[in-house]
Amino acid sequence: MATPDILAFADPYTEALHDVPGVRLLRAHKLTDNEERTTGAAAIESMVKSTITTEQLEAWLKRGDTVDDVFKALHLQKAGDALLDNPQLSVLINYMNRFNTANPTKKTSVVAALTAHYGDQRLTKIIEAATKSPTSSKMAKHLQTEQVQRWLTDKKTPEDVFGLLKLNKFWPLSWISSDLFNKPGLTTWIRYPDDFNEANPEQKTTLLSILSARYSDKTLVNMLIEANNVRSTSTIVKRIQAEQTRLWLDNKVAPADIFKTLNLNKAGDKIFENPLFSAWINYADEFHLMHSDTQLATMPTLLTHYNDRKLSSMIMAAVEIPSTKTLAERVQSELQLPTNKLLENPLFPVWTKYVAYYNSMNFKTKYDLIATLTYYYGGDREFTKMLMAAVKEPNTNKLATELQDLQIARWISKKYSPAQVSTFLGADDASRILYKRYVATYNGQY
């Protein structure tokens, strides 16, 4: 009569092991009297050195050998990182299936047996490595599923698993910010909160809440930016960043506050080179979109830390550097002219300084400030009316007067006659004063 296949007790694990090179189906042979009389792990060890058959498995079961006995006898504790490629693992799994059938009150699992010897951290590292191997990935995925199920059955929270995988252990502490995302087990842990939340909807948690309990916002953001540059962890980073941004947005944390949280207020002249600045710009944009009743915070925040000329020169310098060009142009885009209350807008002085600085740096292309404003605001007549109104306001009188001086200079350069200029002006006192100033300048020039 044909001997049953040693892998006859098919399950996801034994099916997966069919893909592992080196797993052979062995013929049974009759046990010797010595083998039948030998008990414990020692007897199993001696058999493993030769061949292992279905009859032998049944003999071990009859003697009451535990899964742990078989594990040791198969020397699987010495398999290390190659555990899932070890042909003896198929023997252990097959024996476990038989043991569980014969002992329903003492059932165990592959993961329980392996964890008992390797620990959660080491086993998780072995499984994660095996998922990348064509010969063991199928088996590894089955083990990952069973491992998660075991944690859930044992009521392990994501915080508990964080500790089991020793993701909370760092040495030296000075390298804490760069260590977490390089640790084996992180990928497994990242997925666990999803399974935990599904099984425990009343105890839902997030990755961010766990990490935030261990790191300050600034430290965590630095860690995420550093890890985002590594292809293997960039997906994980994007998920945590999204949670972090959502939390800040939901709590209405102002971009100006996040600016300080990230210590960007201490970045100095090199702010455009700081990777945290890019993250902050994105947050400021999202905050404005979510809270449309607020002003876009980028320029107002920067203006509280840099004066007009300094900020203009920094933007210009950053535009010339390939690594900061895109970010500088993004900030530069906010220097667009407002459609109303031009001289009251805090960005206007920055824009004028920016134009002046641009002209000083680019000899081939020059921008005429007054020509640009005249065109933008509907021609000489409309722009003159705007300046006339601004001259009458105490808070804009000085700036408007300075712009009128530049306007007169432009009219002189274009050789406008006093009669032409009079068509731009009204009949009020301010218009008459401006007209007299122009006539005096015109007569002195021509």
Foldseek 3Di string as FASTA:
>chain_A
DAFDWLCNVDDLQLVLLVLAPPQDTDGDDDDDPVLLPDAFLVSLLVCLVDDDHPVNLVSNVVRPYDLLSNCVSNVLLVCFLCSQNDNCVSNSQSSLVVNCVVPVPPRDDPLVSVCVRQFPQRVQLSLVVQCPDPSRVSNSVVSLVVVLVVCVVVVHALLNVCVSNPLVDDPPPVCNLQPNLVGRPPVSSQPNLVVNCVVPVVDRDHPLVSVVVPDQPQSNVSSLVVQCVPPVCVVVSVVNLVVVLVVCLVVVPALLNVCVSNVLLVVPLCSLVDPVNVVSLVSLVVSCVVVVVDDSPDVVSVCVRDPLLSLLVSLVVQCVDVVRNVVSVVVVVVLDQDLPPRQPDPSNSSNVSNLVVVCVVDVVDHDLPLVVQQVVQPHLLRVVVVLLVQCPDPVRVVVSVVSLVSVLVVCVVVPPDLVNLLVSFDDDPSRVVSSVVSNVVNVVVD
